[in-house]
Protein backbone atom coordinates (compact mmCIF):
# COMPACT_ATOMS: atom_id res chain seq x y z
CA UNK A 1 -5.06 -51.05 -36.30
CA UNK A 2 -7.48 -53.01 -34.12
CA UNK A 3 -9.93 -51.38 -31.74
CA UNK A 4 -7.85 -52.39 -28.68
CA UNK A 5 -4.74 -50.82 -30.13
CA UNK A 6 -6.60 -47.60 -30.94
CA UNK A 7 -7.96 -47.53 -27.36
CA UNK A 8 -4.45 -47.91 -25.87
CA UNK A 9 -3.12 -45.19 -28.14
CA UNK A 10 -5.85 -42.77 -27.03
CA UNK A 11 -5.22 -43.62 -23.37
CA UNK A 12 -1.46 -43.20 -23.80
CA UNK A 13 -1.92 -39.76 -25.40
CA UNK A 14 -4.35 -38.66 -22.68
CA UNK A 15 -2.13 -39.77 -19.81
CA UNK A 16 1.01 -38.34 -21.45
CA UNK A 17 -0.64 -34.92 -21.49
CA UNK A 18 -2.13 -34.98 -17.98
CA UNK A 19 0.07 -37.08 -15.68
CA UNK A 20 3.14 -34.75 -15.64
CA UNK A 21 0.99 -32.13 -13.91
CA UNK A 22 -0.17 -34.45 -11.11
CA UNK A 23 1.52 -35.74 -8.01
CA UNK A 24 1.94 -39.42 -7.21
CA UNK A 25 -1.40 -40.00 -5.48
CA UNK A 26 -3.36 -37.98 -8.04
CA UNK A 27 -1.87 -40.09 -10.84
CA UNK A 28 -2.95 -43.29 -9.08
CA UNK A 29 -6.49 -42.03 -8.61
CA UNK A 30 -6.77 -40.91 -12.26
CA UNK A 31 -5.53 -44.28 -13.53
CA UNK A 32 -7.90 -46.10 -11.13
CA UNK A 33 -10.88 -44.05 -12.33
CA UNK A 34 -10.07 -44.77 -15.99
CA UNK A 35 -9.71 -48.49 -15.26
CA UNK A 36 -13.10 -48.56 -13.52
CA UNK A 37 -14.68 -46.78 -16.51
CA UNK A 38 -13.28 -49.36 -18.94
CA UNK A 39 -14.61 -52.26 -16.89
CA UNK A 40 -13.20 -55.78 -17.28
CA UNK A 41 -9.60 -55.64 -18.45
CA UNK A 42 -9.36 -51.95 -17.72
CA UNK A 43 -6.52 -52.30 -15.18
CA UNK A 44 -4.34 -54.12 -17.72
CA UNK A 45 -5.20 -51.67 -20.51
CA UNK A 46 -4.40 -48.59 -18.42
CA UNK A 47 -1.16 -50.14 -17.10
CA UNK A 48 0.05 -50.86 -20.64
CA UNK A 49 -0.97 -47.41 -21.94
CA UNK A 50 0.88 -45.60 -19.13
CA UNK A 51 3.77 -48.03 -18.78
CA UNK A 52 3.32 -48.87 -15.07
CA UNK A 53 2.69 -52.04 -13.13
CA UNK A 54 -0.84 -53.32 -12.93
CA UNK A 55 -0.55 -53.34 -9.12
CA UNK A 56 -0.14 -49.55 -9.15
CA UNK A 57 -3.39 -49.11 -11.09
CA UNK A 58 -5.09 -51.60 -8.75
CA UNK A 59 -4.02 -49.51 -5.74
CA UNK A 60 -5.73 -46.51 -7.34
CA UNK A 61 -8.91 -48.50 -7.81
CA UNK A 62 -8.90 -49.62 -4.18
CA UNK A 63 -8.34 -46.03 -2.96
CA UNK A 64 -11.35 -44.91 -4.97
CA UNK A 65 -13.50 -47.75 -3.66
CA UNK A 66 -12.53 -47.05 -0.03
CA UNK A 67 -14.33 -43.69 -0.10
CA UNK A 68 -11.60 -41.97 1.96
CA UNK A 69 -11.61 -38.19 2.17
CA UNK A 70 -8.64 -36.31 0.63
CA UNK A 71 -5.57 -36.92 2.75
CA UNK A 72 -3.96 -33.52 2.19
CA UNK A 73 -0.67 -35.27 1.43
CA UNK A 74 0.84 -37.39 -1.31
CA UNK A 75 1.70 -40.47 0.73
CA UNK A 76 -0.03 -42.08 3.63
CA UNK A 77 1.33 -41.29 7.13
CA UNK A 78 4.44 -43.36 7.76
CA UNK A 79 5.18 -43.88 4.10
CA UNK A 80 8.34 -42.68 2.37
CA UNK A 81 11.95 -42.74 3.47
CA UNK A 82 12.53 -42.68 7.23
CA UNK A 83 14.25 -39.69 8.82
CA UNK A 84 17.87 -40.05 9.87
CA UNK A 85 16.99 -39.43 13.50
CA UNK A 86 14.36 -42.20 13.37
CA UNK A 87 16.75 -44.70 11.83
CA UNK A 88 19.59 -43.64 14.14
CA UNK A 89 18.29 -42.09 17.40
CA UNK A 90 21.85 -41.76 18.76
CA UNK A 91 22.67 -39.06 16.22
CA UNK A 92 20.70 -36.43 18.17
CA UNK A 93 22.68 -37.01 21.38
CA UNK A 94 25.96 -37.07 19.42
CA UNK A 95 25.10 -33.73 17.82
CA UNK A 96 24.27 -32.10 21.15
CA UNK A 97 27.55 -33.39 22.56
CA UNK A 98 29.42 -31.56 19.81
CA UNK A 99 27.62 -28.24 20.11
CA UNK A 100 27.56 -28.23 23.92
CA UNK A 101 30.84 -29.86 25.01
CA UNK A 102 30.87 -28.06 28.38
CA UNK A 103 27.30 -29.06 29.24
CA UNK A 104 27.25 -32.56 27.76
CA UNK A 105 30.49 -33.65 29.38
CA UNK A 106 32.85 -33.82 26.39
CA UNK A 107 35.43 -31.05 26.91
CA UNK A 108 37.83 -32.86 24.54
CA UNK A 109 35.46 -32.48 21.60
CA UNK A 110 37.36 -31.89 18.33
CA UNK A 111 35.13 -28.89 17.65
CA UNK A 112 35.75 -27.33 21.08
CA UNK A 113 37.87 -24.51 19.66
CA UNK A 114 36.55 -24.09 16.12
CA UNK A 115 33.48 -22.77 14.33
CA UNK A 116 30.54 -25.14 14.70
CA UNK A 117 29.01 -24.77 11.22
CA UNK A 118 26.44 -27.33 10.06
CA UNK A 119 28.92 -28.60 7.47
CA UNK A 120 31.67 -29.19 10.04
CA UNK A 121 29.19 -30.78 12.44
CA UNK A 122 27.97 -33.10 9.68
CA UNK A 123 31.55 -34.09 8.79
CA UNK A 124 32.40 -34.86 12.41
CA UNK A 125 29.21 -36.88 12.94
CA UNK A 126 29.94 -38.89 9.76
CA UNK A 127 33.43 -39.68 11.10
CA UNK A 128 31.74 -40.98 14.26
CA UNK A 129 29.58 -43.34 12.18
CA UNK A 130 26.43 -41.18 11.97
CA UNK A 131 25.91 -40.57 8.25
CA UNK A 132 24.13 -37.21 7.96
CA UNK A 133 24.10 -34.11 5.74
CA UNK A 134 24.50 -30.46 6.71
CA UNK A 135 20.85 -29.59 6.01
CA UNK A 136 19.63 -32.34 8.34
CA UNK A 137 22.02 -31.08 11.03
CA UNK A 138 20.45 -27.64 10.71
CA UNK A 139 16.94 -29.11 11.03
CA UNK A 140 17.90 -31.04 14.18
CA UNK A 141 19.49 -27.98 15.77
CA UNK A 142 16.37 -25.92 15.15
CA UNK A 143 14.25 -28.71 16.68
CA UNK A 144 16.45 -28.55 19.79
CA UNK A 145 15.92 -24.80 20.14
CA UNK A 146 19.22 -23.62 18.62
CA UNK A 147 19.62 -20.67 16.25
CA UNK A 148 22.44 -18.62 14.81
CA UNK A 149 23.26 -15.89 17.33
CA UNK A 150 26.05 -13.41 17.90
CA UNK A 151 27.61 -12.59 21.27
CA UNK A 152 25.54 -10.42 23.62
CA UNK A 153 27.35 -7.87 25.79
CA UNK A 154 25.40 -8.33 29.01
CA UNK A 155 27.93 -9.59 31.57
CA UNK A 156 29.15 -6.71 33.71
CA UNK A 157 31.33 -8.55 36.15
CA UNK A 158 30.88 -8.37 39.90
CA UNK A 159 28.59 -5.48 40.77
CA UNK A 160 29.25 -3.20 43.70
CA UNK A 161 26.55 -3.52 46.39
CA UNK A 162 26.04 0.28 46.41
CA UNK A 163 25.76 0.57 42.64
CA UNK A 164 22.07 1.50 42.53
CA UNK A 165 22.40 3.75 45.56
CA UNK A 166 25.20 5.66 43.81
CA UNK A 167 23.02 6.20 40.74
CA UNK A 168 20.23 7.56 42.96
CA UNK A 169 22.70 9.81 44.77
CA UNK A 170 24.13 11.08 41.49
CA UNK A 171 20.64 11.89 40.17
CA UNK A 172 19.81 13.77 43.38
CA UNK A 173 23.00 15.81 43.06
CA UNK A 174 22.20 16.63 39.43
CA UNK A 175 18.66 17.69 40.36
CA UNK A 176 19.87 19.91 43.20
CA UNK A 177 22.46 21.64 41.00
CA UNK A 178 19.96 22.21 38.20
CA UNK A 179 17.47 23.66 40.68
CA UNK A 180 20.17 26.16 41.67
CA UNK A 181 20.81 26.95 37.97
CA UNK A 182 24.27 25.44 38.24
CA UNK A 183 25.81 23.55 35.30
CA UNK A 184 25.80 19.75 35.22
CA UNK A 185 28.23 18.20 32.75
CA UNK A 186 29.08 14.66 31.75
CA UNK A 187 32.72 14.09 30.73
CA UNK A 188 34.73 11.30 29.18
CA UNK A 189 37.42 10.53 26.61
CA UNK A 190 36.16 9.19 23.30
CA UNK A 191 37.99 6.35 21.60
CA UNK A 192 41.37 7.47 20.28
CA UNK A 193 41.33 7.77 16.50
CA UNK A 194 44.10 7.13 13.97
CA UNK A 195 44.83 10.19 11.85
CA UNK A 196 45.47 9.43 8.19
CA UNK A 197 44.00 7.46 5.27
CA UNK A 198 42.74 4.60 7.43
CA UNK A 199 39.49 2.68 7.20
CA UNK A 200 36.63 4.07 9.26
CA UNK A 201 33.71 1.75 10.04
CA UNK A 202 30.40 2.42 8.35
CA UNK A 203 29.26 3.04 4.76
CA UNK A 204 28.56 6.16 2.72
CA UNK A 205 27.01 6.66 -0.72
CA UNK A 206 29.70 6.68 -3.42
CA UNK A 207 29.64 6.10 -7.19
CA UNK A 208 29.28 2.42 -7.98
CA UNK A 209 32.64 0.67 -8.08
CA UNK A 210 34.49 3.70 -6.71
CA UNK A 211 34.94 3.21 -2.94
CA UNK A 212 37.24 5.53 -1.01
CA UNK A 213 40.72 4.02 -1.07
CA UNK A 214 42.47 3.63 2.30
CA UNK A 215 45.59 1.93 3.63
CA UNK A 216 45.50 -1.84 3.98
CA UNK A 217 47.14 -1.73 7.43
CA UNK A 218 46.24 0.36 10.46
CA UNK A 219 49.74 1.30 11.57
CA UNK A 220 49.77 4.78 13.17
CA UNK A 221 51.37 7.52 11.10
CA UNK A 222 54.50 8.75 12.89
CA UNK A 223 53.84 12.37 11.95
CA UNK A 224 50.07 12.55 12.34
CA UNK A 225 49.79 10.12 15.28
CA UNK A 226 46.43 9.77 17.01
CA UNK A 227 43.65 12.14 17.98
CA UNK A 228 42.36 12.13 21.56
CA UNK A 229 38.85 13.62 21.70
CA UNK A 230 37.80 14.60 25.23
CA UNK A 231 34.14 15.51 25.45
CA UNK A 232 32.07 17.69 27.78
CA UNK A 233 28.29 17.36 27.47
CA UNK A 234 26.08 20.01 29.07
CA UNK A 235 23.04 18.06 30.23
CA UNK A 236 20.63 20.98 30.56
CA UNK A 237 21.65 22.87 27.39
CA UNK A 238 22.07 19.75 25.21
CA UNK A 239 25.36 21.04 23.87
CA UNK A 240 28.72 19.37 23.47
CA UNK A 241 32.29 20.61 23.61
CA UNK A 242 35.11 18.39 22.35
CA UNK A 243 38.77 19.16 22.91
CA UNK A 244 40.81 17.17 20.38
CA UNK A 245 44.24 16.51 21.82
CA UNK A 246 47.33 15.33 19.99
CA UNK A 247 49.36 14.08 22.97
CA UNK A 248 48.49 11.80 25.91
CA UNK A 249 45.13 11.30 27.60
CA UNK A 250 46.13 12.48 31.07
CA UNK A 251 44.27 14.04 33.97
CA UNK A 252 45.84 17.41 33.13
CA UNK A 253 44.43 17.14 29.59
CA UNK A 254 40.99 16.22 30.96
CA UNK A 255 40.86 19.22 33.31
CA UNK A 256 42.23 21.54 30.60
CA UNK A 257 39.32 20.43 28.40
CA UNK A 258 36.88 21.32 31.17
CA UNK A 259 38.66 24.66 31.66
CA UNK A 260 38.34 25.47 27.94
CA UNK A 261 34.64 24.59 28.01
CA UNK A 262 34.04 26.85 31.03
CA UNK A 263 35.94 29.79 29.58
CA UNK A 264 34.48 29.35 26.10
CA UNK A 265 30.86 28.44 26.81
CA UNK A 266 30.06 27.61 30.43
CA UNK A 267 30.79 31.01 31.97
CA UNK A 268 28.52 32.78 29.47
CA UNK A 269 25.72 30.22 29.80
CA UNK A 270 25.81 30.25 33.64
CA UNK A 271 26.96 33.76 34.67
CA UNK A 272 25.68 33.47 38.27
CA UNK A 273 26.81 29.91 38.95
CA UNK A 274 28.91 29.30 42.03
CA UNK A 275 29.16 25.54 41.71
CA UNK A 276 29.63 22.89 39.06
CA UNK A 277 28.72 19.18 39.01
CA UNK A 278 30.85 16.78 36.99
CA UNK A 279 29.69 13.20 36.36
CA UNK A 280 32.52 10.95 35.19
CA UNK A 281 33.53 7.32 34.86
CA UNK A 282 35.33 5.55 37.67
CA UNK A 283 38.51 4.99 35.67
CA UNK A 284 40.73 6.56 33.04
CA UNK A 285 42.18 10.05 33.15
CA UNK A 286 39.21 11.22 35.25
CA UNK A 287 39.08 8.19 37.54
CA UNK A 288 38.31 8.47 41.24
CA UNK A 289 41.71 6.97 42.17
CA UNK A 290 43.69 9.43 40.02
CA UNK A 291 45.42 11.94 42.28
CA UNK A 292 46.40 14.28 39.44
CA UNK A 293 42.73 14.57 38.51
CA UNK A 294 41.96 16.00 41.95
CA UNK A 295 44.94 18.35 42.06
CA UNK A 296 44.20 19.76 38.59
CA UNK A 297 40.52 20.17 39.47
CA UNK A 298 41.55 22.08 42.61
CA UNK A 299 43.52 24.52 40.45
CA UNK A 300 40.57 24.94 38.12
CA UNK A 301 38.18 25.49 41.04
CA UNK A 302 40.44 28.25 42.37
CA UNK A 303 40.74 29.90 38.95
CA UNK A 304 37.02 29.75 38.15
CA UNK A 305 35.80 30.49 41.68
CA UNK A 306 33.56 27.41 41.58
CA UNK A 307 32.84 24.68 44.07
CA UNK A 308 33.42 21.69 41.78
CA UNK A 309 31.54 18.57 42.85
CA UNK A 310 32.44 15.26 41.21
CA UNK A 311 30.19 12.19 41.23
CA UNK A 312 31.72 9.10 39.66
CA UNK A 313 29.65 6.36 38.09
CA UNK A 314 30.15 3.01 39.89
CA UNK A 315 32.90 0.80 38.44
CA UNK A 316 31.81 -1.20 35.40
CA UNK A 317 28.98 1.15 34.40
CA UNK A 318 30.71 3.44 31.90
CA UNK A 319 28.12 2.73 29.20
CA UNK A 320 25.56 4.51 31.41
CA UNK A 321 27.56 7.73 31.20
CA UNK A 322 25.21 10.20 29.52
CA UNK A 323 27.88 11.57 27.19
CA UNK A 324 28.20 8.17 25.52
CA UNK A 325 24.69 8.09 24.04
CA UNK A 326 24.00 11.84 23.92
CA UNK A 327 27.21 12.98 22.19
CA UNK A 328 29.78 10.34 21.25
CA UNK A 329 27.34 8.04 19.43
CA UNK A 330 26.19 10.90 17.18
CA UNK A 331 29.79 11.88 16.39
CA UNK A 332 30.55 8.29 15.37
CA UNK A 333 27.51 8.17 13.08
CA UNK A 334 28.36 11.56 11.55
CA UNK A 335 31.80 10.52 10.32
CA UNK A 336 31.02 6.89 9.46
CA UNK A 337 32.73 5.57 6.36
CA UNK A 338 34.95 8.69 6.13
CA UNK A 339 38.74 8.40 6.56
CA UNK A 340 39.98 10.83 9.21
CA UNK A 341 42.88 12.06 7.12
CA UNK A 342 43.87 15.04 9.29
CA UNK A 343 43.17 16.72 12.60
CA UNK A 344 41.24 19.39 10.71
CA UNK A 345 38.91 16.73 9.27
CA UNK A 346 38.31 15.35 12.76
CA UNK A 347 37.59 18.78 14.26
CA UNK A 348 35.29 19.82 11.41
CA UNK A 349 33.43 16.50 11.44
CA UNK A 350 32.82 16.76 15.18
CA UNK A 351 31.72 20.38 14.94
CA UNK A 352 29.24 19.51 12.17
CA UNK A 353 27.44 16.95 14.34
CA UNK A 354 23.79 17.81 14.98
CA UNK A 355 20.61 15.95 15.85
CA UNK A 356 16.90 16.56 15.33
CA UNK A 357 16.59 17.11 19.10
CA UNK A 358 18.78 20.22 18.89
CA UNK A 359 22.27 19.00 19.79
CA UNK A 360 25.09 21.34 18.78
CA UNK A 361 28.79 20.63 19.20
CA UNK A 362 31.85 22.84 19.37
CA UNK A 363 35.26 21.30 18.67
CA UNK A 364 38.78 22.67 18.76
CA UNK A 365 42.32 21.34 18.47
CA UNK A 366 44.67 21.17 21.46
CA UNK A 367 48.31 20.70 20.48
CA UNK A 368 49.77 21.24 23.96
CA UNK A 369 51.95 18.48 25.47
CA UNK A 370 50.57 16.55 28.45
CA UNK A 371 53.35 14.37 29.87
CA UNK A 372 52.61 11.22 31.80
CA UNK A 373 54.10 10.06 35.08
CA UNK A 374 53.21 13.13 37.16
CA UNK A 375 53.39 12.18 40.85
CA UNK A 376 51.30 13.66 43.66
CA UNK A 377 52.54 13.07 47.19
CA UNK A 378 50.42 12.31 50.23
CA UNK A 379 51.12 15.76 51.63
CA UNK A 380 49.99 17.47 48.42
CA UNK A 381 46.82 15.39 48.36
CA UNK A 382 46.07 16.10 52.02
CA UNK A 383 46.49 19.85 51.42
CA UNK A 384 43.82 20.00 48.73
CA UNK A 385 40.61 21.92 49.58
CA UNK A 386 38.66 18.70 49.18
CA UNK A 387 35.62 17.60 51.16
CA UNK A 388 34.41 14.04 50.81
CA UNK A 389 30.69 13.44 50.94
CA UNK A 390 29.21 11.30 53.68
CA UNK A 391 27.94 8.82 51.09
CA UNK A 392 30.89 7.10 49.42
CA UNK A 393 33.44 9.82 49.84
CA UNK A 394 35.72 8.02 47.39
CA UNK A 395 33.15 8.46 44.58
CA UNK A 396 31.61 11.77 45.65
CA UNK A 397 33.63 14.80 46.70
CA UNK A 398 33.77 18.57 46.32
CA UNK A 399 36.81 20.72 45.53
CA UNK A 400 36.41 24.26 46.85
CA UNK A 401 37.88 27.45 45.40
CA UNK A 402 39.36 28.03 48.87
CA UNK A 403 40.03 25.63 51.69
CA UNK A 404 36.81 24.98 53.68
CA UNK A 405 38.56 25.91 56.92
CA UNK A 406 39.26 29.37 55.46
CA UNK A 407 35.67 30.10 54.47
CA UNK A 408 32.62 30.99 56.48
CA UNK A 409 30.21 29.12 54.26
CA UNK A 410 31.16 26.59 51.64
CA UNK A 411 28.45 24.49 50.06
CA UNK A 412 26.03 25.40 52.86
CA UNK A 413 28.36 24.05 55.58
CA UNK A 414 29.02 26.51 58.44
CA UNK A 415 32.62 27.15 59.38
CA UNK A 416 31.94 26.55 63.06
CA UNK A 417 31.36 22.97 64.09
CA UNK A 418 27.77 22.18 65.08
CA UNK A 419 26.96 21.61 68.70
CA UNK A 420 26.67 17.85 68.28
CA UNK A 421 30.02 17.43 66.49
CA UNK A 422 31.95 14.38 67.77
CA UNK A 423 34.65 15.18 70.30
CA UNK A 424 35.98 11.65 70.33
CA UNK A 425 35.59 8.50 68.29
CA UNK A 426 33.43 5.73 69.72
CA UNK A 427 33.18 2.16 68.51
CA UNK A 428 29.83 2.96 66.89
CA UNK A 429 31.24 5.93 65.00
CA UNK A 430 34.02 3.72 63.63
CA UNK A 431 31.32 1.39 62.29
CA UNK A 432 30.03 4.19 60.05
CA UNK A 433 29.26 2.87 56.53
CA UNK A 434 31.51 5.53 55.03
CA UNK A 435 34.46 4.00 56.90
CA UNK A 436 33.64 0.30 56.61
CA UNK A 437 32.21 0.39 53.09
CA UNK A 438 29.14 -1.60 54.18
CA UNK A 439 25.94 -0.97 56.08
CA UNK A 440 25.83 -1.50 59.84
CA UNK A 441 23.58 -4.50 59.30
CA UNK A 442 26.04 -6.10 56.88
CA UNK A 443 28.88 -5.45 59.31
CA UNK A 444 26.88 -7.03 62.13
CA UNK A 445 26.16 -10.08 59.97
CA UNK A 446 29.84 -10.33 59.08
CA UNK A 447 30.84 -10.23 62.77
CA UNK A 448 28.25 -12.92 63.62
CA UNK A 449 29.54 -15.12 60.78
CA UNK A 450 33.25 -14.81 61.64
CA UNK A 451 33.14 -14.86 65.46
CA UNK A 452 32.66 -18.66 65.90
CA UNK A 453 35.56 -19.36 63.54
CA UNK A 454 37.70 -16.76 65.26
CA UNK A 455 37.04 -18.29 68.70
CA UNK A 456 37.82 -21.79 67.40
CA UNK A 457 40.98 -20.53 65.71
CA UNK A 458 42.12 -18.75 68.88
CA UNK A 459 41.48 -21.84 70.99
CA UNK A 460 43.48 -23.95 68.55
CA UNK A 461 46.44 -21.53 68.74
CA UNK A 462 46.36 -21.57 72.56
CA UNK A 463 46.20 -25.38 72.61
CA UNK A 464 49.26 -25.57 70.33
CA UNK A 465 51.07 -23.08 72.55
CA UNK A 466 50.27 -25.01 75.77
CA UNK A 467 50.90 -28.41 74.28
CA UNK A 468 47.82 -29.91 75.96
CA UNK A 469 44.10 -29.37 76.40
CA UNK A 470 42.67 -26.54 78.47
CA UNK A 471 42.89 -27.16 82.23
CA UNK A 472 40.67 -24.28 83.30
CA UNK A 473 37.24 -23.19 82.19
CA UNK A 474 36.92 -20.92 79.11
CA UNK A 475 36.88 -17.24 80.02
CA UNK A 476 39.45 -17.47 82.79
CA UNK A 477 43.01 -16.33 82.50
CA UNK A 478 44.41 -13.34 80.60
CA UNK A 479 41.88 -11.43 78.53
CA UNK A 480 42.41 -10.58 74.88
CA UNK A 481 43.27 -6.95 74.25
CA UNK A 482 40.52 -6.74 71.60
CA UNK A 483 37.17 -8.49 71.71
CA UNK A 484 36.27 -10.50 68.56
CA UNK A 485 33.96 -7.77 67.22
CA UNK A 486 36.73 -5.17 67.52
CA UNK A 487 39.26 -7.50 65.90
CA UNK A 488 36.97 -7.90 62.90
CA UNK A 489 36.19 -4.16 62.75
CA UNK A 490 39.83 -3.08 62.92
CA UNK A 491 40.70 -5.58 60.17
CA UNK A 492 37.99 -4.15 57.94
CA UNK A 493 39.30 -0.62 58.52
CA UNK A 494 42.86 -1.79 57.86
CA UNK A 495 41.89 -3.50 54.58
CA UNK A 496 40.04 -0.35 53.56
CA UNK A 497 43.45 1.42 53.84
CA UNK A 498 41.92 4.34 55.66
CA UNK A 499 44.71 4.75 58.19
CA UNK A 500 48.03 3.35 59.31
CA UNK A 501 48.26 0.64 61.95
CA UNK A 502 49.62 3.23 64.37
CA UNK A 503 46.51 5.40 63.96
CA UNK A 504 44.22 2.37 64.28
CA UNK A 505 46.09 1.43 67.42
CA UNK A 506 45.42 4.90 68.86
CA UNK A 507 41.72 4.60 68.05
CA UNK A 508 41.38 1.20 69.73
CA UNK A 509 43.81 1.82 72.57
CA UNK A 510 46.28 -0.90 71.60
CA UNK A 511 49.65 -1.12 69.90
CA UNK A 512 50.25 -1.40 66.16
CA UNK A 513 51.52 -4.96 66.77
CA UNK A 514 48.11 -5.96 68.15
CA UNK A 515 46.43 -4.48 65.08
CA UNK A 516 48.79 -6.45 62.83
CA UNK A 517 48.08 -9.72 64.68
CA UNK A 518 44.34 -9.14 64.52
CA UNK A 519 44.55 -8.57 60.77
CA UNK A 520 46.57 -11.75 60.29
CA UNK A 521 43.92 -13.74 62.18
CA UNK A 522 40.87 -12.29 60.43
CA UNK A 523 42.03 -12.17 56.80
CA UNK A 524 42.01 -15.99 56.30
CA UNK A 525 38.49 -16.11 57.76
CA UNK A 526 37.32 -13.40 55.36
CA UNK A 527 38.75 -15.31 52.42
CA UNK A 528 37.20 -18.58 53.60
CA UNK A 529 33.75 -16.95 53.79
CA UNK A 530 34.16 -15.23 50.42
CA UNK A 531 34.16 -11.68 51.79
CA UNK A 532 36.23 -9.16 49.85
CA UNK A 533 36.94 -5.78 51.42
CA UNK A 534 37.62 -3.07 48.85
CA UNK A 535 40.09 -0.26 49.52
CA UNK A 536 38.86 3.31 49.93
CA UNK A 537 40.49 6.38 48.45
CA UNK A 538 40.02 8.31 51.73
CA UNK A 539 43.13 8.63 53.91
CA UNK A 540 43.28 9.87 57.51
CA UNK A 541 46.35 10.91 59.47
CA UNK A 542 44.90 11.81 62.87
CA UNK A 543 41.75 11.00 64.85
CA UNK A 544 40.68 14.62 64.24
CA UNK A 545 40.61 13.96 60.49
CA UNK A 546 38.14 11.12 60.99
CA UNK A 547 36.06 13.20 63.39
CA UNK A 548 35.84 16.04 60.88
CA UNK A 549 34.93 13.63 58.10
CA UNK A 550 32.16 11.94 60.09
CA UNK A 551 30.78 15.27 61.32
CA UNK A 552 30.48 16.75 57.84
CA UNK A 553 26.92 17.08 56.59
CA UNK A 554 27.40 16.94 52.84
CA UNK A 555 24.49 15.38 50.99
């Protein structure tokens, strides 16, 4: 073997051992350094020993001669295969059109109603002529600020303008009752539970490969049915009482649960209490529109000798009910992953619920029937010993153990009317926020906004009736029975369903027909301006009822 052959063999062995551990640029530099060391003919010798082109070795020599600092990368900037988005800039816009069809103006996108995974997006883009893989789609989405996210429960619908004020009022009522050592309870019905071997969300430690076996379908058992847990949470004592019903979730069942709590725990915990505050949701069996809820509470108030005050949370705010996160959430965590095979299991699981902050819970089974469809007439509702509070009397009211007119002092209200009690109803008194459902300022702004349209509408009706333009100056001729401000006010009161048209006619000194015509004129204007007038639960039969309501001093 000649000297040249031995040299190539040594070089080949050296490079075979070292080059696999180097990246592309490091290999070039090593080959260039060896070629420089060999001198003339070194580039050819190294290229033959390694099995590469001589140009590759020459590039390594030039990089060494240039004296450049380490690049920190294998290839020079701009080298290598171009990115898909660089070769095809339209692919980014096409991708955004698929993931945001509503925003990007393509509501007919084929992925409008399906899961937008990176694989499906890549397939659809390829069909459109943009060849791309799923990984590249993911990279582009992240560059555009997208990420995998689940739905967020944050939309609460249209909020009532007095929502925050009601929360402040409720807190004040709770503080006042607690200062008087009176009980404050939060009530609600927990989610109805299937009784039987059904899957319960959550996981529990079990032997490996031996999960608890449950039914594949969640069809209610005809014999066991459902359990209806109604909870009472004592805010001050941090204790819970759950009445587990087996029938319907009715107002009678809700009040019976409160009655059982009072007889079983409340009376002993508050022996001197003369009043009770209940905070409840706006809907369900204890909703503020439910008449049976009020009649059953009146019976309970008479039995217990308590003045029962109810403050409802504003509509759409049930998750703020204290019982939800102080009691029900802990019950759910306590029985997670455990099939509720019987009513006894449900009762025992609820009763075993405790927390490190000292929560204790009592639970019992209620097998009594609670039929639905119980009707309460207007006369029965009007006869209840119920006093509505000045602030949102539909959400805040007190049921007395005896009728307020038969007592000398109920809830600090004297039986005799104060000296400044209203003897008659004025226009200003009828603008009271408790009647209109809005502040005086909002009512004034509403009148200012609707009056020009009302005048124009009235002029148009008169022109159509005459068949020609006005011949006399505006303001002459027969006067309207109600001025525009009164027409708007009476319409608001009518839409609030506070009184009949006959009673409104008495209050404004006109006939019920005039009230009806005013309402027909104003309602289209309210709709055109986007004003919605919500109905109240208060009902008045005579002007004296309104006078008594406005003169009350409940806070």
